[in-house]
Structure formats: structure tokens, C-alpha cells
Amino acid sequence: MPLERLKQAKKITIGTKQTMKAVQKGLALVVYVARDADDRVVEPLLKMCEERVIEVIPVDTMAELGKASGIQVGAASVAITAE
């Protein structure tokens, strides 16, 4: 399951703004994006990841991604910055 890597990561960023910052700074190793997230929110992040050749792993729901990240609410995107 792709979320095991996320659950075991030493350092992550949660939320699209923080994830985009990590991608811009070159810190993101891999990015997880919820399929049910609003396209206008995650589209710029997906484009940025494509330009920088960062692996993007789709996750079914924001709730599932939030839970895997250790928070009680949904998350549109999460990045692993240290494994």
C-alpha cells in the first residue's frame, strides 16, 4: 500500500500551500494528492511536480490522506521531505 511509505516518513508537509513550498525549495521527495481534492487547488501543484520531475502518488480521498498523515481532518496534498 502506497500510504505505508507516508506513515513511516520522518518528516512531511501537510496541505497544498506547504507542499508547494517544499516542492519549490527542492525538499519534496514524493507528493501524495487526494483524487477528491478540488482541481483548482491541486492543479498548480501537479504542474510544478511535473516540471520538477517529482513522483506524484494519487490517494482516493482527502480523509484517507489526512488519516495517513496523522491528522484528524482531510488533506488535499502531502509531501515527504525526509524518509
C-alpha atoms as a PDB file:
ATOM      1  CA  MET A   1       0.000   0.000   0.000  1.00  0.00           C
ATOM      2  CA  PRO A   2       1.485   3.364  -1.017  1.00  0.00           C
ATOM      3  CA  LEU A   3       0.469   5.054   2.241  1.00  0.00           C
ATOM      4  CA  GLU A   4       2.871   2.895   4.298  1.00  0.00           C
ATOM      5  CA  ARG A   5       5.782   4.966   2.999  1.00  0.00           C
ATOM      6  CA  LEU A   6       3.975   8.114   4.114  1.00  0.00           C
ATOM      7  CA  LYS A   7       3.169   6.708   7.558  1.00  0.00           C
ATOM      8  CA  GLN A   8       6.819   5.782   8.131  1.00  0.00           C
ATOM      9  CA  ALA A   9       8.312   9.051   6.842  1.00  0.00           C
ATOM     10  CA  LYS A  10      10.395  11.039   9.314  1.00  0.00           C
ATOM     11  CA  LYS A  11       9.277  14.439   8.037  1.00  0.00           C
ATOM     12  CA  ILE A  12       6.261  15.514   5.972  1.00  0.00           C
ATOM     13  CA  THR A  13       4.446  18.666   4.935  1.00  0.00           C
ATOM     14  CA  ILE A  14       0.657  18.687   5.065  1.00  0.00           C
ATOM     15  CA  GLY A  15      -1.599  20.874   2.927  1.00  0.00           C
ATOM     16  CA  THR A  16      -1.217  22.216  -0.573  1.00  0.00           C
ATOM     17  CA  LYS A  17       0.438  25.530   0.369  1.00  0.00           C
ATOM     18  CA  GLN A  18       3.108  23.857   2.499  1.00  0.00           C
ATOM     19  CA  THR A  19       3.573  21.077  -0.052  1.00  0.00           C
ATOM     20  CA  MET A  20       4.071  23.618  -2.848  1.00  0.00           C
ATOM     21  CA  LYS A  21       6.686  25.411  -0.743  1.00  0.00           C
ATOM     22  CA  ALA A  22       8.530  22.125  -0.210  1.00  0.00           C
ATOM     23  CA  VAL A  23       8.447  21.412  -3.956  1.00  0.00           C
ATOM     24  CA  GLN A  24       9.682  24.923  -4.800  1.00  0.00           C
ATOM     25  CA  LYS A  25      12.572  24.603  -2.343  1.00  0.00           C
ATOM     26  CA  GLY A  26      13.511  21.187  -3.718  1.00  0.00           C
ATOM     27  CA  LEU A  27      12.738  19.421  -0.426  1.00  0.00           C
ATOM     28  CA  ALA A  28       9.886  17.165  -1.581  1.00  0.00           C
ATOM     29  CA  LEU A  29      10.911  13.593  -2.334  1.00  0.00           C
ATOM     30  CA  VAL A  30       7.420  12.405  -3.250  1.00  0.00           C
ATOM     31  CA  VAL A  31       3.995  14.073  -3.249  1.00  0.00           C
ATOM     32  CA  TYR A  32       0.631  12.486  -2.407  1.00  0.00           C
ATOM     33  CA  VAL A  33      -2.531  14.071  -3.839  1.00  0.00           C
ATOM     34  CA  ALA A  34      -6.122  13.178  -2.976  1.00  0.00           C
ATOM     35  CA  ARG A  35      -8.276  12.323  -6.002  1.00  0.00           C
ATOM     36  CA  ASP A  36     -11.305  14.064  -4.471  1.00  0.00           C
ATOM     37  CA  ALA A  37      -9.445  17.337  -3.878  1.00  0.00           C
ATOM     38  CA  ASP A  38     -10.641  20.393  -5.785  1.00  0.00           C
ATOM     39  CA  ASP A  39      -8.801  20.556  -9.130  1.00  0.00           C
ATOM     40  CA  ARG A  40      -8.215  24.305  -8.889  1.00  0.00           C
ATOM     41  CA  VAL A  41      -6.388  23.719  -5.600  1.00  0.00           C
ATOM     42  CA  VAL A  42      -4.077  20.869  -6.647  1.00  0.00           C
ATOM     43  CA  GLU A  43      -3.596  21.606 -10.365  1.00  0.00           C
ATOM     44  CA  PRO A  44      -0.767  24.141  -9.821  1.00  0.00           C
ATOM     45  CA  LEU A  45       0.963  21.645  -7.510  1.00  0.00           C
ATOM     46  CA  LEU A  46       0.651  18.836 -10.062  1.00  0.00           C
ATOM     47  CA  LYS A  47       2.095  21.079 -12.774  1.00  0.00           C
ATOM     48  CA  MET A  48       5.001  22.064 -10.508  1.00  0.00           C
ATOM     49  CA  CYS A  49       5.737  18.413  -9.698  1.00  0.00           C
ATOM     50  CA  GLU A  50       5.689  17.536 -13.378  1.00  0.00           C
ATOM     51  CA  GLU A  51       8.145  20.344 -14.195  1.00  0.00           C
ATOM     52  CA  ARG A  52      10.498  19.250 -11.412  1.00  0.00           C
ATOM     53  CA  VAL A  53      10.046  15.512 -12.104  1.00  0.00           C
ATOM     54  CA  ILE A  54       8.730  14.701  -8.622  1.00  0.00           C
ATOM     55  CA  GLU A  55       6.752  11.493  -8.205  1.00  0.00           C
ATOM     56  CA  VAL A  56       3.043  12.074  -7.522  1.00  0.00           C
ATOM     57  CA  ILE A  57       1.055   9.302  -5.856  1.00  0.00           C
ATOM     58  CA  PRO A  58      -2.742   9.570  -6.061  1.00  0.00           C
ATOM     59  CA  VAL A  59      -4.780   8.694  -2.958  1.00  0.00           C
ATOM     60  CA  ASP A  60      -8.526   8.002  -3.110  1.00  0.00           C
ATOM     61  CA  THR A  61      -9.799  10.550  -0.594  1.00  0.00           C
ATOM     62  CA  MET A  62      -8.691  13.585   1.379  1.00  0.00           C
ATOM     63  CA  ALA A  63      -9.851  11.860   4.577  1.00  0.00           C
ATOM     64  CA  GLU A  64      -7.652   8.833   3.861  1.00  0.00           C
ATOM     65  CA  LEU A  65      -4.656  11.072   3.146  1.00  0.00           C
ATOM     66  CA  GLY A  66      -5.243  13.109   6.305  1.00  0.00           C
ATOM     67  CA  LYS A  67      -5.505   9.976   8.438  1.00  0.00           C
ATOM     68  CA  ALA A  68      -2.276   8.563   6.977  1.00  0.00           C
ATOM     69  CA  SER A  69      -0.607  11.899   7.787  1.00  0.00           C
ATOM     70  CA  GLY A  70      -1.679  11.701  11.406  1.00  0.00           C
ATOM     71  CA  ILE A  71      -4.290  14.464  11.382  1.00  0.00           C
ATOM     72  CA  GLN A  72      -7.997  14.286  12.168  1.00  0.00           C
ATOM     73  CA  VAL A  73      -9.160  16.145   9.041  1.00  0.00           C
ATOM     74  CA  GLY A  74      -8.708  15.674   5.314  1.00  0.00           C
ATOM     75  CA  ALA A  75      -5.673  16.819   3.374  1.00  0.00           C
ATOM     76  CA  ALA A  76      -5.595  17.633  -0.330  1.00  0.00           C
ATOM     77  CA  SER A  77      -1.856  17.002  -0.586  1.00  0.00           C
ATOM     78  CA  VAL A  78       1.122  15.867   1.452  1.00  0.00           C
ATOM     79  CA  ALA A  79       4.838  15.690   0.680  1.00  0.00           C
ATOM     80  CA  ILE A  80       7.536  13.513   2.185  1.00  0.00           C
ATOM     81  CA  THR A  81      10.583  15.674   2.864  1.00  0.00           C
ATOM     82  CA  ALA A  82      12.670  13.133   4.822  1.00  0.00           C
ATOM     83  CA  GLU A  83      12.452   9.347   4.990  1.00  0.00           C
END
